[in-house]
Amino acid sequence: MLYTVVASEDIWEGVEKEPAPTVEMSLAGVIMQLEPLGDFQAKIVRIVSTNPQDYLLASYQPGTIVRWT
């Protein structure tokens, strides 16, 4: 709950109402949720893996842009 004199439109300005469409894909044996960007590129949204080592790889961290075909 927000108690403020600022209009709610100003507080929530720029916040997306709908989440971006995502696809699940396997890259190098790691299943991840990707947000397609076009030109065969996608942004990693999250990793879906049971292997803890996959989460430690810097190349798979959320926000990373990857190429896919």
Protein backbone atom coordinates (compact mmCIF):
# COMPACT_ATOMS: atom_id res chain seq x y z
CA MET A 1 0.00 0.00 0.00
CA LEU A 2 1.37 3.40 -0.98
CA TYR A 3 0.49 6.49 0.99
CA THR A 4 1.61 9.39 -1.18
CA VAL A 5 0.38 12.59 -2.78
CA VAL A 6 1.93 11.58 -6.10
CA ALA A 7 -0.60 10.41 -8.72
CA SER A 8 -0.58 6.65 -9.33
CA GLU A 9 -0.07 7.27 -13.07
CA ASP A 10 3.26 8.95 -12.27
CA ILE A 11 4.35 6.13 -9.98
CA TRP A 12 3.57 3.35 -12.46
CA GLU A 13 4.71 5.21 -15.60
CA GLY A 14 6.94 3.02 -17.74
CA VAL A 15 5.97 -0.24 -16.05
CA GLU A 16 4.90 -2.82 -18.59
CA LYS A 17 1.42 -4.17 -18.10
CA GLU A 18 1.91 -7.33 -20.19
CA PRO A 19 4.99 -9.51 -19.77
CA ALA A 20 7.02 -9.99 -22.93
CA PRO A 21 6.39 -13.29 -24.77
CA THR A 22 8.99 -15.94 -24.00
CA VAL A 23 9.99 -19.32 -25.37
CA GLU A 24 11.77 -22.22 -23.70
CA MET A 25 14.78 -23.48 -25.59
CA SER A 26 17.81 -25.66 -24.94
CA LEU A 27 21.21 -24.07 -25.59
CA ALA A 28 24.26 -26.29 -25.05
CA GLY A 29 22.10 -28.70 -23.07
CA VAL A 30 20.75 -26.05 -20.68
CA ILE A 31 17.02 -25.30 -20.84
CA MET A 32 16.32 -21.59 -20.51
CA GLN A 33 13.48 -19.15 -21.00
CA LEU A 34 14.28 -16.65 -23.76
CA GLU A 35 12.68 -13.41 -24.93
CA PRO A 36 13.04 -13.20 -28.75
CA LEU A 37 14.52 -9.90 -29.98
CA GLY A 38 14.66 -10.54 -33.74
CA ASP A 39 17.56 -11.24 -36.12
CA PHE A 40 18.04 -14.66 -34.47
CA GLN A 41 18.87 -13.06 -31.11
CA ALA A 42 17.18 -13.51 -27.76
CA LYS A 43 17.62 -12.27 -24.20
CA ILE A 44 17.88 -14.83 -21.39
CA VAL A 45 15.01 -14.35 -18.94
CA ARG A 46 15.76 -17.31 -16.65
CA ILE A 47 17.42 -20.71 -16.53
CA VAL A 48 15.33 -23.84 -16.00
CA SER A 49 17.89 -26.39 -14.82
CA THR A 50 18.42 -28.86 -12.01
CA ASN A 51 22.20 -28.57 -12.30
CA PRO A 52 23.54 -25.90 -9.89
CA GLN A 53 26.66 -25.45 -12.04
CA ASP A 54 24.52 -23.99 -14.86
CA TYR A 55 23.59 -21.03 -12.65
CA LEU A 56 27.26 -20.18 -12.04
CA LEU A 57 28.12 -19.68 -15.72
CA ALA A 58 28.41 -15.97 -16.57
CA SER A 59 27.37 -16.63 -20.17
CA TYR A 60 23.92 -17.84 -18.99
CA GLN A 61 23.00 -15.07 -16.57
CA PRO A 62 19.64 -13.32 -17.11
CA GLY A 63 19.84 -10.33 -19.44
CA THR A 64 22.57 -11.85 -21.62
CA ILE A 65 21.90 -11.66 -25.37
CA VAL A 66 22.41 -14.99 -27.18
CA ARG A 67 22.18 -16.03 -30.82
CA TRP A 68 19.91 -18.93 -31.78
CA THR A 69 18.90 -20.63 -34.99
